[in-house]
Amino acid sequence: MQNSDLLPSLLFKINENQLALEAAIMELSNWVEQRGSADVADNVRGALEALDKNEEFIKMTLAVMMAPE
């Protein structure tokens, strides 16, 4: 197997990790908000918006890369 064949799988795994981290951080922001730090929770959610904005492009790119030729 060539190194270039591993790239789509690597990117897929990195994307999975990104989504898992996003979910964990969102849980923490909810926990922080419940304890009275709404400003901090809002700031965290604002930072996570970049992940949401990029998710569709990442999924589309992975689909193209993994499509049979």
Foldseek 3Di string as FASTA:
>chain_A
DDPLVCVLVVLVVVLVVLVVVLVVLLVVLVVVVVVPPVVVSVVSVVVCVVVVVCNVVSVVVSCVSPDDD
